[in-house]
Amino acid sequence: MTKTKTIHILRTWMLRTNEELMINIITVMTALISSTYLYISYFVSSLTRFTETKLPQLERWLVT
């Protein structure tokens, strides 16, 4: 096997590996973003539920 052919094979392999690595990174980033979105939306809905139920009680308690 000649030196140029070896270099060509290595370059092709590196390009393919980099492409797979980028796909994996994009997949992981997408999963992180979607899970972060789920946690934030859950927190906001919990906060909304809390303010709807506990705030009037707290208000009454402070007024009296």
PDB file of N, CA and C in Angstrom:
ATOM      1  N   MET A   1       0.847  -1.181   0.000  1.00  0.00           N
ATOM      2  CA  MET A   1       0.000   0.000   0.000  1.00  0.00           C
ATOM      3  C   MET A   1       0.894   1.247   0.000  1.00  0.00           C
ATOM      4  N   THR A   2       0.578   2.146  -0.857  1.00  0.00           N
ATOM      5  CA  THR A   2       1.414   3.339  -0.960  1.00  0.00           C
ATOM      6  C   THR A   2       1.051   4.335   0.139  1.00  0.00           C
ATOM      7  N   LYS A   3       1.943   5.297   0.296  1.00  0.00           N
ATOM      8  CA  LYS A   3       1.750   6.304   1.339  1.00  0.00           C
ATOM      9  C   LYS A   3       0.520   7.174   1.048  1.00  0.00           C
ATOM     10  N   THR A   4       0.318   7.563  -0.210  1.00  0.00           N
ATOM     11  CA  THR A   4      -0.823   8.426  -0.543  1.00  0.00           C
ATOM     12  C   THR A   4      -2.147   7.689  -0.354  1.00  0.00           C
ATOM     13  N   LYS A   5      -2.144   6.389  -0.686  1.00  0.00           N
ATOM     14  CA  LYS A   5      -3.376   5.616  -0.505  1.00  0.00           C
ATOM     15  C   LYS A   5      -3.706   5.489   0.984  1.00  0.00           C
ATOM     16  N   THR A   6      -2.681   5.255   1.804  1.00  0.00           N
ATOM     17  CA  THR A   6      -2.886   5.170   3.257  1.00  0.00           C
ATOM     18  C   THR A   6      -3.432   6.492   3.794  1.00  0.00           C
ATOM     19  N   ILE A   7      -2.852   7.602   3.349  1.00  0.00           N
ATOM     20  CA  ILE A   7      -3.316   8.923   3.791  1.00  0.00           C
ATOM     21  C   ILE A   7      -4.760   9.147   3.351  1.00  0.00           C
ATOM     22  N   HIS A   8      -5.075   8.735   2.129  1.00  0.00           N
ATOM     23  CA  HIS A   8      -6.447   8.896   1.623  1.00  0.00           C
ATOM     24  C   HIS A   8      -7.443   8.097   2.474  1.00  0.00           C
ATOM     25  N   ILE A   9      -7.080   6.854   2.805  1.00  0.00           N
ATOM     26  CA  ILE A   9      -7.950   6.011   3.635  1.00  0.00           C
ATOM     27  C   ILE A   9      -8.119   6.632   5.024  1.00  0.00           C
ATOM     28  N   LEU A  10      -7.027   7.126   5.598  1.00  0.00           N
ATOM     29  CA  LEU A  10      -7.109   7.750   6.919  1.00  0.00           C
ATOM     30  C   LEU A  10      -7.987   8.999   6.894  1.00  0.00           C
ATOM     31  N   ARG A  11      -7.845   9.810   5.844  1.00  0.00           N
ATOM     32  CA  ARG A  11      -8.678  11.017   5.727  1.00  0.00           C
ATOM     33  C   ARG A  11     -10.158  10.659   5.617  1.00  0.00           C
ATOM     34  N   THR A  12     -10.459   9.661   4.797  1.00  0.00           N
ATOM     35  CA  THR A  12     -11.850   9.232   4.640  1.00  0.00           C
ATOM     36  C   THR A  12     -12.410   8.741   5.964  1.00  0.00           C
ATOM     37  N   TRP A  13     -11.617   7.960   6.695  1.00  0.00           N
ATOM     38  CA  TRP A  13     -12.063   7.440   7.982  1.00  0.00           C
ATOM     39  C   TRP A  13     -12.270   8.581   8.975  1.00  0.00           C
ATOM     40  N   MET A  14     -11.353   9.551   8.991  1.00  0.00           N
ATOM     41  CA  MET A  14     -11.471  10.682   9.909  1.00  0.00           C
ATOM     42  C   MET A  14     -12.706  11.517   9.592  1.00  0.00           C
ATOM     43  N   LEU A  15     -12.995  11.733   8.316  1.00  0.00           N
ATOM     44  CA  LEU A  15     -14.175  12.506   7.935  1.00  0.00           C
ATOM     45  C   LEU A  15     -15.441  11.797   8.397  1.00  0.00           C
ATOM     46  N   ARG A  16     -15.494  10.484   8.185  1.00  0.00           N
ATOM     47  CA  ARG A  16     -16.655   9.716   8.590  1.00  0.00           C
ATOM     48  C   ARG A  16     -16.810   9.753  10.107  1.00  0.00           C
ATOM     49  N   THR A  17     -15.675   9.613  10.827  1.00  0.00           N
ATOM     50  CA  THR A  17     -15.710   9.651  12.284  1.00  0.00           C
ATOM     51  C   THR A  17     -16.167  11.015  12.777  1.00  0.00           C
ATOM     52  N   ASN A  18     -15.678  12.089  12.178  1.00  0.00           N
ATOM     53  CA  ASN A  18     -16.086  13.434  12.581  1.00  0.00           C
ATOM     54  C   ASN A  18     -17.572  13.653  12.321  1.00  0.00           C
ATOM     55  N   GLU A  19     -18.057  13.118  11.206  1.00  0.00           N
ATOM     56  CA  GLU A  19     -19.485  13.246  10.880  1.00  0.00           C
ATOM     57  C   GLU A  19     -20.335  12.530  11.928  1.00  0.00           C
ATOM     58  N   GLU A  20     -19.936  11.315  12.295  1.00  0.00           N
ATOM     59  CA  GLU A  20     -20.659  10.567  13.316  1.00  0.00           C
ATOM     60  C   GLU A  20     -20.594  11.284  14.655  1.00  0.00           C
ATOM     61  N   LEU A  21     -19.441  11.862  14.972  1.00  0.00           N
ATOM     62  CA  LEU A  21     -19.281  12.597  16.221  1.00  0.00           C
ATOM     63  C   LEU A  21     -20.208  13.815  16.259  1.00  0.00           C
ATOM     64  N   MET A  22     -20.296  14.521  15.150  1.00  0.00           N
ATOM     65  CA  MET A  22     -21.185  15.689  15.097  1.00  0.00           C
ATOM     66  C   MET A  22     -22.644  15.269  15.257  1.00  0.00           C
ATOM     67  N   ILE A  23     -23.020  14.153  14.636  1.00  0.00           N
ATOM     68  CA  ILE A  23     -24.399  13.667  14.783  1.00  0.00           C
ATOM     69  C   ILE A  23     -24.675  13.317  16.243  1.00  0.00           C
ATOM     70  N   ASN A  24     -23.718  12.657  16.899  1.00  0.00           N
ATOM     71  CA  ASN A  24     -23.891  12.311  18.315  1.00  0.00           C
ATOM     72  C   ASN A  24     -23.996  13.558  19.180  1.00  0.00           C
ATOM     73  N   ILE A  25     -23.169  14.552  18.909  1.00  0.00           N
ATOM     74  CA  ILE A  25     -23.206  15.789  19.690  1.00  0.00           C
ATOM     75  C   ILE A  25     -24.548  16.488  19.503  1.00  0.00           C
ATOM     76  N   ILE A  26     -25.030  16.547  18.269  1.00  0.00           N
ATOM     77  CA  ILE A  26     -26.328  17.182  17.998  1.00  0.00           C
ATOM     78  C   ILE A  26     -27.450  16.427  18.708  1.00  0.00           C
ATOM     79  N   THR A  27     -27.383  15.090  18.704  1.00  0.00           N
ATOM     80  CA  THR A  27     -28.402  14.286  19.377  1.00  0.00           C
ATOM     81  C   THR A  27     -28.404  14.554  20.876  1.00  0.00           C
ATOM     82  N   VAL A  28     -27.219  14.590  21.481  1.00  0.00           N
ATOM     83  CA  VAL A  28     -27.122  14.840  22.920  1.00  0.00           C
ATOM     84  C   VAL A  28     -27.620  16.241  23.257  1.00  0.00           C
ATOM     85  N   MET A  29     -27.252  17.231  22.448  1.00  0.00           N
ATOM     86  CA  MET A  29     -27.700  18.602  22.699  1.00  0.00           C
ATOM     87  C   MET A  29     -29.220  18.702  22.588  1.00  0.00           C
ATOM     88  N   THR A  30     -29.796  18.035  21.608  1.00  0.00           N
ATOM     89  CA  THR A  30     -31.255  18.040  21.453  1.00  0.00           C
ATOM     90  C   THR A  30     -31.927  17.423  22.674  1.00  0.00           C
ATOM     91  N   ALA A  31     -31.381  16.306  23.159  1.00  0.00           N
ATOM     92  CA  ALA A  31     -31.949  15.662  24.351  1.00  0.00           C
ATOM     93  C   ALA A  31     -31.840  16.573  25.564  1.00  0.00           C
ATOM     94  N   LEU A  32     -30.698  17.250  25.724  1.00  0.00           N
ATOM     95  CA  LEU A  32     -30.534  18.160  26.860  1.00  0.00           C
ATOM     96  C   LEU A  32     -31.507  19.327  26.791  1.00  0.00           C
ATOM     97  N   ILE A  33     -31.666  19.886  25.601  1.00  0.00           N
ATOM     98  CA  ILE A  33     -32.574  21.024  25.444  1.00  0.00           C
ATOM     99  C   ILE A  33     -34.012  20.608  25.735  1.00  0.00           C
ATOM    100  N   SER A  34     -34.430  19.455  25.221  1.00  0.00           N
ATOM    101  CA  SER A  34     -35.817  19.033  25.438  1.00  0.00           C
ATOM    102  C   SER A  34     -36.061  18.685  26.897  1.00  0.00           C
ATOM    103  N   SER A  35     -35.101  18.049  27.568  1.00  0.00           N
ATOM    104  CA  SER A  35     -35.311  17.727  28.987  1.00  0.00           C
ATOM    105  C   SER A  35     -35.310  18.998  29.829  1.00  0.00           C
ATOM    106  N   THR A  36     -34.467  19.969  29.479  1.00  0.00           N
ATOM    107  CA  THR A  36     -34.474  21.244  30.186  1.00  0.00           C
ATOM    108  C   THR A  36     -35.811  21.941  30.005  1.00  0.00           C
ATOM    109  N   TYR A  37     -36.343  21.903  28.799  1.00  0.00           N
ATOM    110  CA  TYR A  37     -37.659  22.500  28.533  1.00  0.00           C
ATOM    111  C   TYR A  37     -38.739  21.833  29.384  1.00  0.00           C
ATOM    112  N   LEU A  38     -38.672  20.487  29.488  1.00  0.00           N
ATOM    113  CA  LEU A  38     -39.666  19.773  30.299  1.00  0.00           C
ATOM    114  C   LEU A  38     -39.576  20.169  31.768  1.00  0.00           C
ATOM    115  N   TYR A  39     -38.341  20.255  32.299  1.00  0.00           N
ATOM    116  CA  TYR A  39     -38.180  20.650  33.697  1.00  0.00           C
ATOM    117  C   TYR A  39     -38.683  22.069  33.938  1.00  0.00           C
ATOM    118  N   ILE A  40     -38.386  22.983  33.029  1.00  0.00           N
ATOM    119  CA  ILE A  40     -38.826  24.370  33.189  1.00  0.00           C
ATOM    120  C   ILE A  40     -40.345  24.451  33.121  1.00  0.00           C
ATOM    121  N   SER A  41     -40.956  23.752  32.174  1.00  0.00           N
ATOM    122  CA  SER A  41     -42.420  23.814  32.069  1.00  0.00           C
ATOM    123  C   SER A  41     -43.079  23.181  33.286  1.00  0.00           C
ATOM    124  N   TYR A  42     -42.495  22.103  33.818  1.00  0.00           N
ATOM    125  CA  TYR A  42     -43.034  21.496  35.036  1.00  0.00           C
ATOM    126  C   TYR A  42     -42.925  22.465  36.211  1.00  0.00           C
ATOM    127  N   PHE A  43     -41.787  23.144  36.324  1.00  0.00           N
ATOM    128  CA  PHE A  43     -41.584  24.111  37.409  1.00  0.00           C
ATOM    129  C   PHE A  43     -42.580  25.261  37.303  1.00  0.00           C
ATOM    130  N   VAL A  44     -42.791  25.765  36.099  1.00  0.00           N
ATOM    131  CA  VAL A  44     -43.724  26.875  35.899  1.00  0.00           C
ATOM    132  C   VAL A  44     -45.147  26.438  36.231  1.00  0.00           C
ATOM    133  N   SER A  45     -45.532  25.240  35.808  1.00  0.00           N
ATOM    134  CA  SER A  45     -46.898  24.782  36.119  1.00  0.00           C
ATOM    135  C   SER A  45     -47.058  24.552  37.615  1.00  0.00           C
ATOM    136  N   SER A  46     -46.032  24.043  38.292  1.00  0.00           N
ATOM    137  CA  SER A  46     -46.102  23.865  39.740  1.00  0.00           C
ATOM    138  C   SER A  46     -46.213  25.211  40.435  1.00  0.00           C
ATOM    139  N   LEU A  47     -45.442  26.168  39.964  1.00  0.00           N
ATOM    140  CA  LEU A  47     -45.489  27.507  40.549  1.00  0.00           C
ATOM    141  C   LEU A  47     -46.857  28.143  40.335  1.00  0.00           C
ATOM    142  N   THR A  48     -47.423  27.951  39.156  1.00  0.00           N
ATOM    143  CA  THR A  48     -48.749  28.485  38.867  1.00  0.00           C
ATOM    144  C   THR A  48     -49.792  27.851  39.782  1.00  0.00           C
ATOM    145  N   ARG A  49     -49.715  26.528  39.922  1.00  0.00           N
ATOM    146  CA  ARG A  49     -50.651  25.823  40.799  1.00  0.00           C
ATOM    147  C   ARG A  49     -50.509  26.308  42.236  1.00  0.00           C
ATOM    148  N   PHE A  50     -49.274  26.506  42.677  1.00  0.00           N
ATOM    149  CA  PHE A  50     -49.024  26.970  44.041  1.00  0.00           C
ATOM    150  C   PHE A  50     -49.617  28.357  44.266  1.00  0.00           C
ATOM    151  N   THR A  51     -49.389  29.260  43.322  1.00  0.00           N
ATOM    152  CA  THR A  51     -49.907  30.619  43.496  1.00  0.00           C
ATOM    153  C   THR A  51     -51.437  30.644  43.442  1.00  0.00           C
ATOM    154  N   GLU A  52     -52.032  29.762  42.668  1.00  0.00           N
ATOM    155  CA  GLU A  52     -53.499  29.726  42.599  1.00  0.00           C
ATOM    156  C   GLU A  52     -54.118  29.188  43.882  1.00  0.00           C
ATOM    157  N   THR A  53     -53.454  28.265  44.558  1.00  0.00           N
ATOM    158  CA  THR A  53     -54.047  27.651  45.747  1.00  0.00           C
ATOM    159  C   THR A  53     -53.589  28.327  47.043  1.00  0.00           C
ATOM    160  N   LYS A  54     -52.321  28.643  47.150  1.00  0.00           N
ATOM    161  CA  LYS A  54     -51.793  29.112  48.430  1.00  0.00           C
ATOM    162  C   LYS A  54     -51.834  30.626  48.585  1.00  0.00           C
ATOM    163  N   LEU A  55     -51.784  31.363  47.498  1.00  0.00           N
ATOM    164  CA  LEU A  55     -51.732  32.811  47.616  1.00  0.00           C
ATOM    165  C   LEU A  55     -52.989  33.409  48.237  1.00  0.00           C
ATOM    166  N   PRO A  56     -54.205  32.972  47.859  1.00  0.00           N
ATOM    167  CA  PRO A  56     -55.394  33.517  48.531  1.00  0.00           C
ATOM    168  C   PRO A  56     -55.409  33.217  50.033  1.00  0.00           C
ATOM    169  N   GLN A  57     -54.953  32.017  50.416  1.00  0.00           N
ATOM    170  CA  GLN A  57     -54.883  31.674  51.844  1.00  0.00           C
ATOM    171  C   GLN A  57     -53.900  32.586  52.563  1.00  0.00           C
ATOM    172  N   LEU A  58     -52.759  32.803  51.942  1.00  0.00           N
ATOM    173  CA  LEU A  58     -51.740  33.671  52.532  1.00  0.00           C
ATOM    174  C   LEU A  58     -52.255  35.104  52.637  1.00  0.00           C
ATOM    175  N   GLU A  59     -52.973  35.524  51.634  1.00  0.00           N
ATOM    176  CA  GLU A  59     -53.546  36.873  51.629  1.00  0.00           C
ATOM    177  C   GLU A  59     -54.545  37.030  52.776  1.00  0.00           C
ATOM    178  N   ARG A  60     -55.426  36.062  52.936  1.00  0.00           N
ATOM    179  CA  ARG A  60     -56.404  36.101  54.029  1.00  0.00           C
ATOM    180  C   ARG A  60     -55.715  36.100  55.386  1.00  0.00           C
ATOM    181  N   TRP A  61     -54.670  35.299  55.492  1.00  0.00           N
ATOM    182  CA  TRP A  61     -53.944  35.193  56.754  1.00  0.00           C
ATOM    183  C   TRP A  61     -53.260  36.517  57.085  1.00  0.00           C
ATOM    184  N   LEU A  62     -52.709  37.202  56.078  1.00  0.00           N
ATOM    185  CA  LEU A  62     -52.033  38.478  56.304  1.00  0.00           C
ATOM    186  C   LEU A  62     -53.025  39.590  56.641  1.00  0.00           C
ATOM    187  N   VAL A  63     -54.210  39.559  56.046  1.00  0.00           N
ATOM    188  CA  VAL A  63     -55.200  40.616  56.261  1.00  0.00           C
ATOM    189  C   VAL A  63     -55.769  40.534  57.672  1.00  0.00           C
ATOM    190  N   THR A  64     -55.999  39.318  58.154  1.00  0.00           N
ATOM    191  CA  THR A  64     -56.617  39.186  59.489  1.00  0.00           C
ATOM    192  C   THR A  64     -55.637  39.332  60.624  1.00  0.00           C
TER     193      THR A  64
END
